[in-house]
């Protein structure tokens, strides 16, 4: 019986979400990756609110003609910049079932460079 890639990711995602919870002090930094774009959100799970959201479709990122990994790093830096300006420095990283590799790792590295701790 062969499993699909989506099934594997869903299983990993459920395991991660059991352990990872975002709060007002340390919101969850959730990553969504499509084939061409990447998005990041800061989520307060206790309040059920999205505090900030940034994607690679942002005008400043589209203007920088770079490859997908570099776009991911710019998204990480941008969300970190917005979070720090809103007084958020500590977050919990949620890779959303994706492997910590490639664009997901680039986004995390960009967020750390921007001033977020996780």
N, C-alpha and C. Protein backbone atom coordinates (compact mmCIF):
# COMPACT_ATOMS: atom_id res chain seq x y z
N UNK A 1 0.84 -1.17 0.00
CA UNK A 1 0.00 0.00 0.00
C UNK A 1 0.89 1.25 0.00
N UNK A 2 0.80 2.04 -1.03
CA UNK A 2 1.63 3.23 -1.16
C UNK A 2 0.89 4.46 -0.63
N UNK A 3 1.63 5.29 0.08
CA UNK A 3 1.06 6.52 0.59
C UNK A 3 1.38 7.67 -0.35
N UNK A 4 0.47 8.60 -0.41
CA UNK A 4 0.70 9.79 -1.21
C UNK A 4 1.51 10.80 -0.39
N UNK A 5 2.16 11.70 -1.08
CA UNK A 5 2.94 12.73 -0.41
C UNK A 5 2.05 13.59 0.48
N UNK A 6 0.82 13.87 0.03
CA UNK A 6 -0.11 14.68 0.81
C UNK A 6 -0.49 13.99 2.11
N UNK A 7 -0.65 12.66 2.05
CA UNK A 7 -0.99 11.90 3.25
C UNK A 7 0.14 11.95 4.27
N UNK A 8 1.37 11.81 3.79
CA UNK A 8 2.54 11.87 4.67
C UNK A 8 2.61 13.23 5.36
N UNK A 9 2.40 14.30 4.58
CA UNK A 9 2.47 15.65 5.12
C UNK A 9 1.36 15.88 6.14
N UNK A 10 0.15 15.38 5.86
CA UNK A 10 -0.97 15.54 6.78
C UNK A 10 -0.69 14.83 8.11
N UNK A 11 -0.08 13.67 8.03
CA UNK A 11 0.25 12.92 9.24
C UNK A 11 1.29 13.66 10.08
N UNK A 12 2.33 14.17 9.43
CA UNK A 12 3.37 14.93 10.12
C UNK A 12 2.77 16.20 10.72
N UNK A 13 1.89 16.86 9.97
CA UNK A 13 1.26 18.10 10.41
C UNK A 13 0.46 17.87 11.70
N UNK A 14 -0.29 16.77 11.76
CA UNK A 14 -1.07 16.47 12.95
C UNK A 14 -0.18 16.23 14.16
N UNK A 15 0.93 15.52 13.95
CA UNK A 15 1.87 15.28 15.05
C UNK A 15 2.46 16.59 15.57
N UNK A 16 2.82 17.47 14.63
CA UNK A 16 3.41 18.76 15.02
C UNK A 16 2.41 19.62 15.79
N UNK A 17 1.17 19.65 15.31
CA UNK A 17 0.17 20.52 15.92
C UNK A 17 -0.23 20.07 17.33
N UNK A 18 0.02 18.80 17.68
CA UNK A 18 -0.23 18.34 19.04
C UNK A 18 0.73 19.02 20.01
N UNK A 19 1.97 19.22 19.56
CA UNK A 19 3.02 19.78 20.43
C UNK A 19 3.09 21.30 20.35
N UNK A 20 2.83 21.88 19.17
CA UNK A 20 3.07 23.31 18.95
C UNK A 20 1.79 24.10 19.15
N UNK A 21 1.85 25.06 20.06
CA UNK A 21 0.72 25.96 20.31
C UNK A 21 1.27 27.38 20.37
N UNK A 22 0.59 28.29 19.71
CA UNK A 22 0.99 29.69 19.74
C UNK A 22 0.20 30.43 20.80
N UNK A 23 0.82 31.43 21.38
CA UNK A 23 0.16 32.26 22.38
C UNK A 23 0.39 33.72 22.04
N UNK A 24 -0.14 34.61 22.85
CA UNK A 24 0.06 36.03 22.60
C UNK A 24 1.53 36.41 22.79
N UNK A 25 2.19 35.81 23.79
CA UNK A 25 3.60 36.10 24.05
C UNK A 25 4.50 35.49 22.99
N UNK A 26 4.19 34.27 22.55
CA UNK A 26 4.99 33.56 21.54
C UNK A 26 4.05 32.96 20.50
N UNK A 27 3.66 33.75 19.49
CA UNK A 27 2.74 33.22 18.47
C UNK A 27 3.42 32.16 17.60
N UNK A 28 2.59 31.40 16.91
CA UNK A 28 3.07 30.34 16.02
C UNK A 28 3.39 30.94 14.66
N UNK A 29 4.61 30.71 14.18
CA UNK A 29 5.02 31.15 12.84
C UNK A 29 4.76 29.99 11.89
N UNK A 30 3.64 30.06 11.18
CA UNK A 30 3.21 28.99 10.30
C UNK A 30 3.64 29.28 8.86
N UNK A 31 4.14 28.25 8.18
CA UNK A 31 4.65 28.38 6.82
C UNK A 31 3.74 27.61 5.87
N UNK A 32 3.38 28.22 4.75
CA UNK A 32 2.70 27.50 3.67
C UNK A 32 3.52 27.67 2.41
N UNK A 33 3.78 26.57 1.75
CA UNK A 33 4.61 26.58 0.56
C UNK A 33 3.84 25.99 -0.60
N UNK A 34 3.68 26.76 -1.67
CA UNK A 34 3.10 26.22 -2.90
C UNK A 34 4.24 25.99 -3.88
N UNK A 35 3.92 25.56 -5.09
CA UNK A 35 4.98 25.32 -6.06
C UNK A 35 5.75 26.58 -6.42
N UNK A 36 5.07 27.72 -6.46
CA UNK A 36 5.74 28.94 -6.90
C UNK A 36 5.88 30.01 -5.83
N UNK A 37 5.08 29.96 -4.78
CA UNK A 37 5.09 31.01 -3.76
C UNK A 37 5.30 30.41 -2.38
N UNK A 38 5.54 31.30 -1.39
CA UNK A 38 5.66 30.88 0.00
C UNK A 38 5.04 31.96 0.87
N UNK A 39 4.35 31.56 1.92
CA UNK A 39 3.63 32.47 2.80
C UNK A 39 3.97 32.14 4.25
N UNK A 40 3.92 33.16 5.12
CA UNK A 40 4.15 32.97 6.54
C UNK A 40 3.12 33.77 7.32
N UNK A 41 2.66 33.20 8.43
CA UNK A 41 1.68 33.87 9.29
C UNK A 41 2.12 33.74 10.73
N UNK A 42 1.82 34.76 11.52
CA UNK A 42 1.97 34.67 12.97
C UNK A 42 0.57 34.50 13.53
N UNK A 43 0.35 33.40 14.26
CA UNK A 43 -0.99 33.02 14.72
C UNK A 43 -1.00 32.89 16.23
N UNK A 44 -2.01 33.51 16.86
CA UNK A 44 -2.27 33.34 18.29
C UNK A 44 -3.35 32.27 18.41
N UNK A 45 -2.96 31.05 18.79
CA UNK A 45 -3.92 29.94 18.85
C UNK A 45 -4.91 30.10 20.00
N UNK A 46 -4.47 30.71 21.09
CA UNK A 46 -5.38 30.89 22.23
C UNK A 46 -6.52 31.83 21.87
N UNK A 47 -6.20 32.91 21.17
CA UNK A 47 -7.23 33.87 20.76
C UNK A 47 -7.87 33.52 19.43
N UNK A 48 -7.26 32.59 18.69
CA UNK A 48 -7.78 32.20 17.39
C UNK A 48 -7.66 33.29 16.35
N UNK A 49 -6.56 34.05 16.41
CA UNK A 49 -6.38 35.18 15.49
C UNK A 49 -5.07 35.07 14.74
N UNK A 50 -5.08 35.55 13.50
CA UNK A 50 -3.85 35.74 12.75
C UNK A 50 -3.36 37.15 13.03
N UNK A 51 -2.16 37.27 13.58
CA UNK A 51 -1.63 38.57 13.96
C UNK A 51 -0.97 39.28 12.78
N UNK A 52 -0.20 38.54 11.99
CA UNK A 52 0.50 39.09 10.83
C UNK A 52 0.54 38.04 9.73
N UNK A 53 0.57 38.49 8.49
CA UNK A 53 0.72 37.57 7.36
C UNK A 53 1.57 38.24 6.28
N UNK A 54 2.48 37.48 5.71
CA UNK A 54 3.35 37.98 4.65
C UNK A 54 3.49 36.86 3.62
N UNK A 55 3.56 37.24 2.35
CA UNK A 55 3.74 36.24 1.30
C UNK A 55 4.73 36.73 0.26
N UNK A 56 5.17 35.83 -0.57
CA UNK A 56 6.12 36.20 -1.62
C UNK A 56 5.44 36.97 -2.74
N UNK A 57 4.13 37.21 -2.62
CA UNK A 57 3.41 38.02 -3.60
C UNK A 57 3.42 39.50 -3.19
N UNK A 58 4.07 39.82 -2.06
CA UNK A 58 4.21 41.20 -1.60
C UNK A 58 4.99 42.00 -2.64
N UNK A 59 4.59 43.25 -2.85
CA UNK A 59 5.18 44.07 -3.92
C UNK A 59 6.69 44.21 -3.79
N UNK A 60 7.19 44.39 -2.56
CA UNK A 60 8.63 44.58 -2.38
C UNK A 60 9.42 43.31 -2.73
N UNK A 61 8.81 42.15 -2.53
CA UNK A 61 9.49 40.89 -2.82
C UNK A 61 9.41 40.57 -4.31
N UNK A 62 8.28 40.87 -4.94
CA UNK A 62 8.13 40.63 -6.38
C UNK A 62 9.09 41.53 -7.15
N UNK A 63 9.31 42.75 -6.64
CA UNK A 63 10.20 43.70 -7.32
C UNK A 63 11.64 43.20 -7.34
N UNK A 64 12.03 42.45 -6.30
CA UNK A 64 13.37 41.87 -6.27
C UNK A 64 13.34 40.59 -7.09
N UNK A 65 13.89 40.63 -8.26
CA UNK A 65 13.88 39.47 -9.17
C UNK A 65 14.90 38.44 -8.67
N UNK A 66 14.44 37.51 -7.83
CA UNK A 66 15.32 36.50 -7.25
C UNK A 66 14.68 35.12 -7.38
N UNK A 67 15.46 34.08 -7.07
CA UNK A 67 14.91 32.73 -7.16
C UNK A 67 14.03 32.42 -5.93
N UNK A 68 13.42 31.23 -5.90
CA UNK A 68 12.43 30.90 -4.87
C UNK A 68 13.03 30.82 -3.47
N UNK A 69 14.24 30.31 -3.35
CA UNK A 69 14.88 30.23 -2.03
C UNK A 69 15.18 31.61 -1.48
N UNK A 70 15.64 32.50 -2.34
CA UNK A 70 15.93 33.86 -1.90
C UNK A 70 14.65 34.62 -1.58
N UNK A 71 13.55 34.32 -2.33
CA UNK A 71 12.24 34.90 -2.01
C UNK A 71 11.82 34.49 -0.61
N UNK A 72 12.03 33.21 -0.28
CA UNK A 72 11.65 32.70 1.03
C UNK A 72 12.42 33.43 2.13
N UNK A 73 13.69 33.68 1.90
CA UNK A 73 14.50 34.39 2.89
C UNK A 73 13.99 35.82 3.07
N UNK A 74 13.60 36.46 1.97
CA UNK A 74 13.04 37.82 2.05
C UNK A 74 11.71 37.83 2.80
N UNK A 75 10.89 36.80 2.60
CA UNK A 75 9.62 36.69 3.33
C UNK A 75 9.90 36.56 4.83
N UNK A 76 10.90 35.74 5.19
CA UNK A 76 11.27 35.59 6.59
C UNK A 76 11.74 36.89 7.20
N UNK A 77 12.56 37.63 6.47
CA UNK A 77 13.05 38.92 6.98
C UNK A 77 11.90 39.92 7.13
N UNK A 78 10.97 39.92 6.16
CA UNK A 78 9.86 40.86 6.20
C UNK A 78 8.91 40.58 7.35
N UNK A 79 8.60 39.31 7.60
CA UNK A 79 7.70 38.99 8.71
C UNK A 79 8.39 39.29 10.04
N UNK A 80 9.70 39.06 10.11
CA UNK A 80 10.44 39.38 11.33
C UNK A 80 10.43 40.88 11.58
N UNK A 81 10.63 41.66 10.52
CA UNK A 81 10.63 43.12 10.64
C UNK A 81 9.28 43.63 11.15
N UNK A 82 8.19 43.09 10.58
CA UNK A 82 6.85 43.50 11.01
C UNK A 82 6.56 43.05 12.43
N UNK A 83 7.02 41.85 12.79
CA UNK A 83 6.77 41.32 14.14
C UNK A 83 7.51 42.16 15.19
N UNK A 84 8.78 42.47 14.91
CA UNK A 84 9.56 43.26 15.86
C UNK A 84 8.96 44.65 16.03
N UNK A 85 8.45 45.23 14.94
CA UNK A 85 7.82 46.55 15.05
C UNK A 85 6.52 46.49 15.85
N UNK A 86 5.89 45.30 15.92
CA UNK A 86 4.69 45.12 16.74
C UNK A 86 5.01 44.58 18.13
N UNK A 87 6.29 44.48 18.48
CA UNK A 87 6.69 44.06 19.82
C UNK A 87 6.76 42.55 20.02
N UNK A 88 6.84 41.78 18.94
CA UNK A 88 6.94 40.33 19.04
C UNK A 88 8.35 39.91 18.67
N UNK A 89 9.05 39.24 19.60
CA UNK A 89 10.40 38.77 19.29
C UNK A 89 10.53 37.27 19.43
N UNK A 90 9.65 36.64 20.21
CA UNK A 90 9.72 35.20 20.41
C UNK A 90 8.55 34.53 19.71
N UNK A 91 8.84 33.51 18.90
CA UNK A 91 7.80 32.77 18.18
C UNK A 91 8.06 31.27 18.29
N UNK A 92 7.07 30.49 17.94
CA UNK A 92 7.18 29.03 17.85
C UNK A 92 7.07 28.68 16.36
N UNK A 93 8.07 27.99 15.82
CA UNK A 93 8.12 27.72 14.38
C UNK A 93 7.28 26.49 14.04
N UNK A 94 6.37 26.65 13.10
CA UNK A 94 5.52 25.56 12.62
C UNK A 94 5.81 25.35 11.14
N UNK A 95 6.53 24.27 10.83
CA UNK A 95 6.89 24.03 9.43
C UNK A 95 5.74 23.42 8.65
N UNK A 96 4.63 23.15 9.31
CA UNK A 96 3.38 22.75 8.67
C UNK A 96 3.48 21.44 7.90
N UNK A 97 4.31 20.51 8.39
CA UNK A 97 4.43 19.21 7.73
C UNK A 97 5.48 19.15 6.64
N UNK A 98 6.05 20.29 6.28
CA UNK A 98 7.10 20.30 5.26
C UNK A 98 8.43 19.93 5.92
N UNK A 99 9.33 19.37 5.15
CA UNK A 99 10.66 19.06 5.67
C UNK A 99 11.41 20.37 5.92
N UNK A 100 12.23 20.38 6.96
CA UNK A 100 13.02 21.58 7.27
C UNK A 100 14.23 21.58 6.34
N UNK A 101 13.98 22.06 5.12
CA UNK A 101 14.97 21.96 4.06
C UNK A 101 14.58 22.93 2.98
N UNK A 102 15.53 23.46 2.26
CA UNK A 102 15.23 24.31 1.11
C UNK A 102 14.56 25.61 1.48
N UNK A 103 13.38 25.85 0.90
CA UNK A 103 12.69 27.13 1.09
C UNK A 103 12.21 27.33 2.52
N UNK A 104 11.79 26.26 3.18
CA UNK A 104 11.32 26.38 4.57
C UNK A 104 12.49 26.80 5.46
N UNK A 105 13.65 26.20 5.24
CA UNK A 105 14.84 26.55 6.02
C UNK A 105 15.28 27.97 5.71
N UNK A 106 15.20 28.39 4.45
CA UNK A 106 15.56 29.75 4.07
C UNK A 106 14.67 30.77 4.76
N UNK A 107 13.37 30.49 4.83
CA UNK A 107 12.44 31.38 5.51
C UNK A 107 12.79 31.48 6.98
N UNK A 108 13.09 30.35 7.63
CA UNK A 108 13.44 30.34 9.04
C UNK A 108 14.74 31.13 9.28
N UNK A 109 15.72 30.96 8.41
CA UNK A 109 16.98 31.68 8.55
C UNK A 109 16.77 33.18 8.38
N UNK A 110 15.94 33.57 7.43
CA UNK A 110 15.62 34.99 7.23
C UNK A 110 14.90 35.58 8.43
N UNK A 111 14.00 34.82 9.04
CA UNK A 111 13.28 35.29 10.22
C UNK A 111 14.25 35.46 11.39
N UNK A 112 15.19 34.54 11.54
CA UNK A 112 16.18 34.67 12.62
C UNK A 112 17.07 35.89 12.40
N UNK A 113 17.47 36.11 11.15
CA UNK A 113 18.29 37.28 10.84
C UNK A 113 17.54 38.57 11.10
N UNK A 114 16.22 38.54 10.90
CA UNK A 114 15.39 39.72 11.14
C UNK A 114 15.13 40.02 12.59
N UNK A 115 15.48 39.08 13.50
CA UNK A 115 15.34 39.36 14.92
C UNK A 115 14.38 38.49 15.68
N UNK A 116 13.82 37.46 15.05
CA UNK A 116 12.92 36.56 15.77
C UNK A 116 13.70 35.43 16.44
N UNK A 117 13.25 35.03 17.62
CA UNK A 117 13.87 33.93 18.35
C UNK A 117 12.92 32.75 18.38
N UNK A 118 13.41 31.58 17.96
CA UNK A 118 12.65 30.34 18.07
C UNK A 118 13.57 29.16 18.11
